[in-house]
Each structure stands twice: as structure tokens, then as C-alpha cells.
Amino acid sequence: MIQMTLSLLMLFGVNACSPSQPPAPIDIQTKSLDGLSKAYLASGCFWCVEAIYESLIGVEEVISGYAGGTTDDPTYRKVGSGKTGHAEAVEIYYDSTKISFETLIDVYYASQDPTTYGQKPDFGSAYRSIIFYQNESELRIAEDAKATVAASIDKEVVTEIKEFEVFYPAEDYHQDYEKRNPNQPYVRGVSIPRLKRFQAKMPELVRKDH
């Protein structure tokens, strides 16, 4: 599988979670998210992570953005430079009566390699793995999950666990990127394969329309 992914990357000339051409303006459709719980996670390119969580039963919306840094109003270019401290992250709106924060964390670890500082082919601080907790319950769940994963593998789990502070939505053209650009080289070579690998692991959580 790794060799196949690498071959696809070479074929499409893919080397980063970045648009292959200047983005065109888009119309972002909004819907009411009142009453939903929110979670904040980072695990590589936010195009990939957004697509994974939007495929779940009980998740109503996912916003791509930036979190975990020290500067205000970060941009895609600034975050990518590694100088802001932010990581590409997602804001997940979910119905807690249908899916729990604990299950979101199970999905988190099932859909990435938590032993690498980024996710292939994207490495560095902008793509690092972070669970942002908002209360003591989420902190406990995050710490327990990390310990369980660490006990099951021989490598160090590098996922950070940080208290949530602020989330900055990314530029409009990043939202629903995989859905709107299914033939973009990175999406074809990285995002869709990553989504499919996760869905094969936990099919019981996937919405029927995905």
C-alpha cells in the first residue's frame, strides 16, 4: 500500500497539501449548528482530516483551520512556514447523542500514524498531531487513548495533548476541498486513499451517503 501511494504521488507530481493552481472564489453554504458539541483536532493535512470526519454518522459539519500557535489571524502561507506555531486543524460539530468525543478520538488514531511528526507526504510543525481538550473529561479521554495506543505499538506516540485556546477558520477555498476537487492530484493520491483506509477499518461509523 505504501509503495502504491508513493507511485501515485510520483505520477501526479504531488508533494504537499497545497492547491496546484490559484483557487477560484467559492460560495460556502452554511447551516445552523446550534446545539451541537465541538471538538478540535489536528493530524496532518486538514483536507484529509475534514473529509474523514465529515463521513461519520453524527458529525454535522467540519471546518478546516488553524490552532495551537502563538500568533493572531494566521494564514495558510504563514502557518506553512512553521513560524506561527499553528497546525492545520479541524473544528468538528457533532451530535453527542449519536457520536461521542471518545469515538472521535478512536477515529483520530485509526486514521493516522501517530508516531510521525506529520502525515506522509506532509511533515513539520504545520502537520503535527494534536488533540485539543476543552475540559477535564476530554483531557482524561485523550490521555487514556494515547496511553492505550502507546502500549500497543513499539514506537513513541508523538501526539500532543493541549488545552484548547482559539481556532481560526482557514481561507474559504480550503473548505470541503476534497469534496469539491476530487480530481486534484493530492486529493486523488493522498486524501481519498487515506479516507478509504479509515473507512475500511471502521465501516460501522460511516454515513451511508459516503
Protein backbone atom coordinates (compact mmCIF):
# COMPACT_ATOMS: atom_id res chain seq x y z
CA MET A 1 0.00 0.00 0.00
CA ILE A 2 2.83 2.41 0.85
CA GLN A 3 4.56 1.67 -2.46
CA MET A 4 1.30 2.25 -4.34
CA THR A 5 0.81 5.61 -2.61
CA LEU A 6 4.34 6.66 -3.41
CA SER A 7 3.83 5.68 -7.05
CA LEU A 8 0.69 7.77 -7.24
CA LEU A 9 2.49 10.72 -5.73
CA MET A 10 5.21 10.45 -8.33
CA LEU A 11 2.67 10.04 -11.12
CA PHE A 12 0.66 13.10 -10.14
CA GLY A 13 3.62 15.21 -9.03
CA VAL A 14 2.15 15.56 -5.56
CA ASN A 15 4.38 16.79 -2.76
CA ALA A 16 2.26 18.80 -0.36
CA CYS A 17 -1.21 19.64 0.91
CA SER A 18 -1.35 22.71 -1.32
CA PRO A 19 -3.56 23.82 -4.23
CA SER A 20 -1.95 23.04 -7.60
CA GLN A 21 -3.25 26.31 -9.05
CA PRO A 22 -4.62 29.63 -7.72
CA PRO A 23 -8.02 28.99 -6.09
CA ALA A 24 -11.19 30.41 -7.55
CA PRO A 25 -13.74 32.13 -5.27
CA ILE A 26 -16.36 29.75 -3.92
CA ASP A 27 -19.75 30.05 -2.28
CA ILE A 28 -19.70 28.42 1.15
CA GLN A 29 -23.13 27.12 2.12
CA THR A 30 -23.87 27.49 5.82
CA LYS A 31 -26.38 25.72 8.03
CA SER A 32 -27.47 26.04 11.63
CA LEU A 33 -25.05 24.38 14.03
CA ASP A 34 -26.88 25.43 17.19
CA GLY A 35 -26.91 22.86 19.97
CA LEU A 36 -24.04 20.77 18.60
CA SER A 37 -20.88 19.89 20.50
CA LYS A 38 -17.48 20.90 19.14
CA ALA A 39 -14.11 19.16 19.06
CA TYR A 40 -10.72 20.34 17.80
CA LEU A 41 -8.11 18.01 16.32
CA ALA A 42 -5.01 18.14 14.13
CA SER A 43 -3.46 15.21 12.27
CA GLY A 44 -1.84 16.25 9.01
CA CYS A 45 -3.38 17.97 6.01
CA PHE A 46 -6.75 19.40 7.02
CA TRP A 47 -8.27 18.46 3.64
CA CYS A 48 -7.81 14.81 4.63
CA VAL A 49 -8.98 15.18 8.22
CA GLU A 50 -12.06 17.18 7.25
CA ALA A 51 -13.12 14.50 4.76
CA ILE A 52 -12.68 11.71 7.29
CA TYR A 53 -14.80 13.35 9.99
CA GLU A 54 -17.48 14.54 7.59
CA SER A 55 -18.02 10.90 6.63
CA LEU A 56 -19.08 9.97 10.18
CA ILE A 57 -22.57 9.36 11.48
CA GLY A 58 -23.39 12.13 13.95
CA VAL A 59 -20.96 14.70 12.56
CA GLU A 60 -22.85 17.62 11.04
CA GLU A 61 -20.04 19.92 9.89
CA VAL A 62 -16.25 20.15 9.84
CA ILE A 63 -14.32 23.37 9.32
CA SER A 64 -10.67 23.42 8.26
CA GLY A 65 -8.46 25.91 10.06
CA TYR A 66 -5.52 26.58 12.33
CA ALA A 67 -4.90 26.07 16.05
CA GLY A 68 -2.17 25.57 18.61
CA GLY A 69 0.03 28.53 17.72
CA THR A 70 1.07 31.83 19.20
CA THR A 71 0.11 34.39 16.54
CA ASP A 72 -3.25 36.00 15.76
CA ASP A 73 -5.07 35.60 12.45
CA PRO A 74 -2.73 33.06 10.82
CA THR A 75 -2.84 32.46 7.09
CA TYR A 76 -2.13 29.32 5.09
CA ARG A 77 1.19 30.68 3.87
CA LYS A 78 2.30 31.79 7.34
CA VAL A 79 1.31 28.51 9.00
CA GLY A 80 3.11 26.55 6.29
CA SER A 81 6.31 28.46 7.05
CA GLY A 82 6.37 26.88 10.51
CA LYS A 83 6.88 30.25 12.18
CA THR A 84 3.43 30.72 13.75
CA GLY A 85 3.34 27.57 15.87
CA HIS A 86 -0.07 26.67 14.46
CA ALA A 87 -1.02 23.32 13.00
CA GLU A 88 -3.59 22.64 10.32
CA ALA A 89 -6.61 21.62 12.40
CA VAL A 90 -10.33 20.98 12.14
CA GLU A 91 -13.33 22.17 14.11
CA ILE A 92 -15.84 19.32 14.33
CA TYR A 93 -19.54 19.96 15.01
CA TYR A 94 -21.16 16.77 16.23
CA ASP A 95 -24.34 15.46 17.82
CA SER A 96 -23.21 13.96 21.11
CA THR A 97 -26.33 11.77 21.23
CA LYS A 98 -25.10 9.99 18.08
CA ILE A 99 -21.33 10.03 18.45
CA SER A 100 -19.14 10.66 21.49
CA PHE A 101 -15.89 12.55 21.93
CA GLU A 102 -14.30 9.22 22.85
CA THR A 103 -15.34 7.77 19.49
CA LEU A 104 -13.98 10.84 17.70
CA ILE A 105 -10.64 10.08 19.35
CA ASP A 106 -10.85 6.42 18.31
CA VAL A 107 -11.32 7.65 14.74
CA TYR A 108 -8.43 10.05 15.23
CA TYR A 109 -5.95 7.27 15.93
CA ALA A 110 -7.45 4.90 13.37
CA SER A 111 -6.93 7.43 10.59
CA GLN A 112 -3.28 8.46 11.02
CA ASP A 113 0.19 7.38 12.06
CA PRO A 114 0.64 9.00 15.50
CA THR A 115 4.35 8.18 15.58
CA THR A 116 5.39 10.65 12.87
CA TYR A 117 5.75 14.44 13.03
CA GLY A 118 3.15 14.93 10.31
CA GLN A 119 1.47 12.56 7.87
CA LYS A 120 3.07 11.39 4.64
CA PRO A 121 3.84 13.29 2.45
CA ASP A 122 3.41 16.33 4.74
CA PHE A 123 5.82 16.73 7.63
CA GLY A 124 6.73 19.53 10.01
CA SER A 125 5.03 21.62 12.68
CA ALA A 126 2.07 22.65 10.49
CA TYR A 127 1.08 18.99 10.12
CA ARG A 128 1.76 17.66 13.60
CA SER A 129 -0.67 15.55 15.58
CA ILE A 130 -2.56 17.38 18.36
CA ILE A 131 -5.66 16.66 20.42
CA PHE A 132 -7.10 19.88 21.86
CA TYR A 133 -9.12 19.34 25.05
CA GLN A 134 -11.77 21.74 26.38
CA ASN A 135 -12.47 20.22 29.78
CA GLU A 136 -11.23 17.61 32.25
CA SER A 137 -13.34 14.85 30.70
CA GLU A 138 -11.81 15.39 27.26
CA LEU A 139 -8.33 15.55 28.81
CA ARG A 140 -8.86 12.20 30.51
CA ILE A 141 -10.18 10.61 27.32
CA ALA A 142 -7.25 12.00 25.31
CA GLU A 143 -4.65 10.80 27.82
CA ASP A 144 -6.22 7.34 28.17
CA ALA A 145 -6.41 6.90 24.38
CA LYS A 146 -2.80 7.95 23.89
CA ALA A 147 -1.66 5.55 26.61
CA THR A 148 -3.63 2.70 25.05
CA VAL A 149 -2.16 3.33 21.60
CA ALA A 150 1.35 3.67 23.03
CA ALA A 151 1.01 0.33 24.81
CA SER A 152 0.00 -1.41 21.57
CA ILE A 153 2.98 -0.32 19.43
CA ASP A 154 6.76 -0.27 19.69
CA LYS A 155 7.26 3.38 18.69
CA GLU A 156 6.76 6.60 20.61
CA VAL A 157 3.38 8.28 20.12
CA VAL A 158 4.18 11.92 19.33
CA THR A 159 0.61 13.22 19.51
CA GLU A 160 0.43 16.37 21.62
CA ILE A 161 -2.40 16.95 24.08
CA LYS A 162 -3.02 20.67 24.53
CA GLU A 163 -5.68 22.79 26.16
CA PHE A 164 -7.82 24.43 23.50
CA GLU A 165 -7.41 28.19 23.20
CA VAL A 166 -8.58 29.52 19.85
CA PHE A 167 -9.42 28.20 16.39
CA TYR A 168 -9.00 30.25 13.22
CA PRO A 169 -11.02 29.08 10.18
CA ALA A 170 -8.88 28.66 7.08
CA GLU A 171 -9.42 30.53 3.85
CA ASP A 172 -12.70 29.69 2.08
CA TYR A 173 -11.05 27.74 -0.73
CA HIS A 174 -9.80 25.14 1.78
CA GLN A 175 -13.32 24.27 2.99
CA ASP A 176 -14.75 20.99 1.65
CA TYR A 177 -11.67 20.84 -0.54
CA GLU A 178 -11.67 17.10 -1.15
CA LYS A 179 -15.39 17.08 -1.96
CA ARG A 180 -15.10 19.97 -4.41
CA ASN A 181 -11.83 18.85 -6.03
CA PRO A 182 -11.98 15.05 -6.40
CA ASN A 183 -9.58 15.05 -9.34
CA GLN A 184 -6.94 17.31 -7.82
CA PRO A 185 -3.64 15.33 -7.76
CA TYR A 186 -3.08 15.47 -3.99
CA VAL A 187 -6.71 14.58 -3.32
CA ARG A 188 -6.51 11.58 -5.67
CA GLY A 189 -3.11 10.45 -4.45
CA VAL A 190 -3.36 11.12 -0.71
CA SER A 191 -6.72 12.35 0.64
CA ILE A 192 -9.04 9.80 -0.91
CA PRO A 193 -6.77 6.80 -0.18
CA ARG A 194 -6.46 7.95 3.44
CA LEU A 195 -10.24 8.28 3.72
CA LYS A 196 -10.80 4.83 2.20
CA ARG A 197 -8.25 3.20 4.54
CA PHE A 198 -10.05 4.62 7.55
CA GLN A 199 -13.50 3.65 6.29
CA ALA A 200 -12.31 0.07 5.79
CA LYS A 201 -11.20 -0.03 9.44
CA MET A 202 -14.40 1.37 10.99
CA PRO A 203 -17.23 0.92 8.47
CA GLU A 204 -19.88 0.90 11.19
CA LEU A 205 -19.27 4.62 11.79
CA VAL A 206 -19.53 5.74 8.17
CA ARG A 207 -22.61 7.51 6.82
CA LYS A 208 -24.46 5.65 4.08
CA ASP A 209 -24.02 8.58 1.67
CA HIS A 210 -20.22 8.17 1.91
